[in-house]
């Protein structure tokens, strides 16, 4: 199950963020289950890596690769 980040939305208080493990089928929370404060789900870029233009060399772990290459480690 993915972990979602939520933040409080009351402008008169400091913003507080928390994480919650939820099914992708679950509706986003509208209130914090612990405090009852209004919240919204935070959309982020995640942790993926985007390489513009793709790769010109063999991929990591491809057949025939020999470790990390010359000059490493």
C-alpha atoms as a PDB file:
ATOM      1  CA  UNK A   1       0.000   0.000   0.000  1.00  0.00           C
ATOM      2  CA  UNK A   2       1.275   3.483  -0.795  1.00  0.00           C
ATOM      3  CA  UNK A   3       2.052   6.075   1.848  1.00  0.00           C
ATOM      4  CA  UNK A   4       0.330   9.432   1.338  1.00  0.00           C
ATOM      5  CA  UNK A   5       1.341  12.788   2.807  1.00  0.00           C
ATOM      6  CA  UNK A   6      -1.333  15.086   4.201  1.00  0.00           C
ATOM      7  CA  UNK A   7      -1.100  18.630   5.532  1.00  0.00           C
ATOM      8  CA  UNK A   8      -3.392  20.781   7.625  1.00  0.00           C
ATOM      9  CA  UNK A   9      -5.168  23.643   5.864  1.00  0.00           C
ATOM     10  CA  UNK A  10      -6.038  26.085   8.677  1.00  0.00           C
ATOM     11  CA  UNK A  11      -4.186  29.288   7.720  1.00  0.00           C
ATOM     12  CA  UNK A  12      -4.342  30.597  11.300  1.00  0.00           C
ATOM     13  CA  UNK A  13      -2.146  27.723  12.565  1.00  0.00           C
ATOM     14  CA  UNK A  14       1.275  26.415  11.512  1.00  0.00           C
ATOM     15  CA  UNK A  15       1.049  23.795   8.761  1.00  0.00           C
ATOM     16  CA  UNK A  16       1.543  20.276  10.062  1.00  0.00           C
ATOM     17  CA  UNK A  17       2.267  17.318   7.793  1.00  0.00           C
ATOM     18  CA  UNK A  18       1.805  13.622   8.469  1.00  0.00           C
ATOM     19  CA  UNK A  19       1.983  10.375   6.520  1.00  0.00           C
ATOM     20  CA  UNK A  20      -0.681   7.699   6.264  1.00  0.00           C
ATOM     21  CA  UNK A  21      -0.603   4.291   4.623  1.00  0.00           C
ATOM     22  CA  UNK A  22      -3.773   3.882   2.547  1.00  0.00           C
ATOM     23  CA  UNK A  23      -5.068   1.732  -0.260  1.00  0.00           C
ATOM     24  CA  UNK A  24      -5.181   3.419  -3.663  1.00  0.00           C
ATOM     25  CA  UNK A  25      -8.931   2.719  -3.596  1.00  0.00           C
ATOM     26  CA  UNK A  26      -9.447   4.768  -0.395  1.00  0.00           C
ATOM     27  CA  UNK A  27     -10.851   8.285  -0.660  1.00  0.00           C
ATOM     28  CA  UNK A  28      -8.435  11.034   0.419  1.00  0.00           C
ATOM     29  CA  UNK A  29      -8.869  12.188   4.017  1.00  0.00           C
ATOM     30  CA  UNK A  30     -10.706  15.448   4.645  1.00  0.00           C
ATOM     31  CA  UNK A  31      -9.875  15.650   8.371  1.00  0.00           C
ATOM     32  CA  UNK A  32      -6.985  14.422  10.511  1.00  0.00           C
ATOM     33  CA  UNK A  33      -8.227  11.267  12.296  1.00  0.00           C
ATOM     34  CA  UNK A  34      -6.364  12.268  15.490  1.00  0.00           C
ATOM     35  CA  UNK A  35      -7.195  15.981  15.785  1.00  0.00           C
ATOM     36  CA  UNK A  36     -10.204  16.567  13.519  1.00  0.00           C
ATOM     37  CA  UNK A  37      -8.378  19.406  11.708  1.00  0.00           C
ATOM     38  CA  UNK A  38      -9.102  19.898   8.004  1.00  0.00           C
ATOM     39  CA  UNK A  39      -6.399  18.362   5.781  1.00  0.00           C
ATOM     40  CA  UNK A  40      -5.536  17.895   2.127  1.00  0.00           C
ATOM     41  CA  UNK A  41      -3.432  15.291   0.361  1.00  0.00           C
ATOM     42  CA  UNK A  42      -0.061  16.613  -0.805  1.00  0.00           C
ATOM     43  CA  UNK A  43       0.904  15.708  -4.363  1.00  0.00           C
ATOM     44  CA  UNK A  44       4.645  15.253  -4.811  1.00  0.00           C
ATOM     45  CA  UNK A  45       7.006  14.162  -7.548  1.00  0.00           C
ATOM     46  CA  UNK A  46       7.917  10.949  -5.773  1.00  0.00           C
ATOM     47  CA  UNK A  47      11.345   9.371  -5.753  1.00  0.00           C
ATOM     48  CA  UNK A  48      11.709   8.252  -9.368  1.00  0.00           C
ATOM     49  CA  UNK A  49      14.601   9.284 -11.551  1.00  0.00           C
ATOM     50  CA  UNK A  50      13.952  10.923 -14.914  1.00  0.00           C
ATOM     51  CA  UNK A  51      16.766  10.900 -17.453  1.00  0.00           C
ATOM     52  CA  UNK A  52      16.178  13.305 -20.311  1.00  0.00           C
ATOM     53  CA  UNK A  53      17.018  11.815 -23.699  1.00  0.00           C
ATOM     54  CA  UNK A  54      17.272   8.262 -22.438  1.00  0.00           C
ATOM     55  CA  UNK A  55      20.408   6.183 -22.067  1.00  0.00           C
ATOM     56  CA  UNK A  56      23.142   5.630 -24.624  1.00  0.00           C
ATOM     57  CA  UNK A  57      24.956   2.831 -22.810  1.00  0.00           C
ATOM     58  CA  UNK A  58      24.079  -0.555 -21.359  1.00  0.00           C
ATOM     59  CA  UNK A  59      21.642  -0.553 -18.460  1.00  0.00           C
ATOM     60  CA  UNK A  60      22.734  -1.417 -14.956  1.00  0.00           C
ATOM     61  CA  UNK A  61      22.781  -5.159 -14.482  1.00  0.00           C
ATOM     62  CA  UNK A  62      22.564  -5.919 -18.181  1.00  0.00           C
ATOM     63  CA  UNK A  63      23.905  -9.187 -19.514  1.00  0.00           C
ATOM     64  CA  UNK A  64      27.662  -8.984 -19.940  1.00  0.00           C
ATOM     65  CA  UNK A  65      28.219  -6.142 -17.493  1.00  0.00           C
ATOM     66  CA  UNK A  66      31.270  -6.529 -15.282  1.00  0.00           C
ATOM     67  CA  UNK A  67      30.741  -4.655 -12.042  1.00  0.00           C
ATOM     68  CA  UNK A  68      30.741  -0.885 -11.970  1.00  0.00           C
ATOM     69  CA  UNK A  69      33.327  -0.309 -14.699  1.00  0.00           C
ATOM     70  CA  UNK A  70      36.907   0.937 -14.790  1.00  0.00           C
ATOM     71  CA  UNK A  71      38.042   3.422 -12.169  1.00  0.00           C
ATOM     72  CA  UNK A  72      35.339   2.689  -9.630  1.00  0.00           C
ATOM     73  CA  UNK A  73      35.726   1.289  -6.136  1.00  0.00           C
END
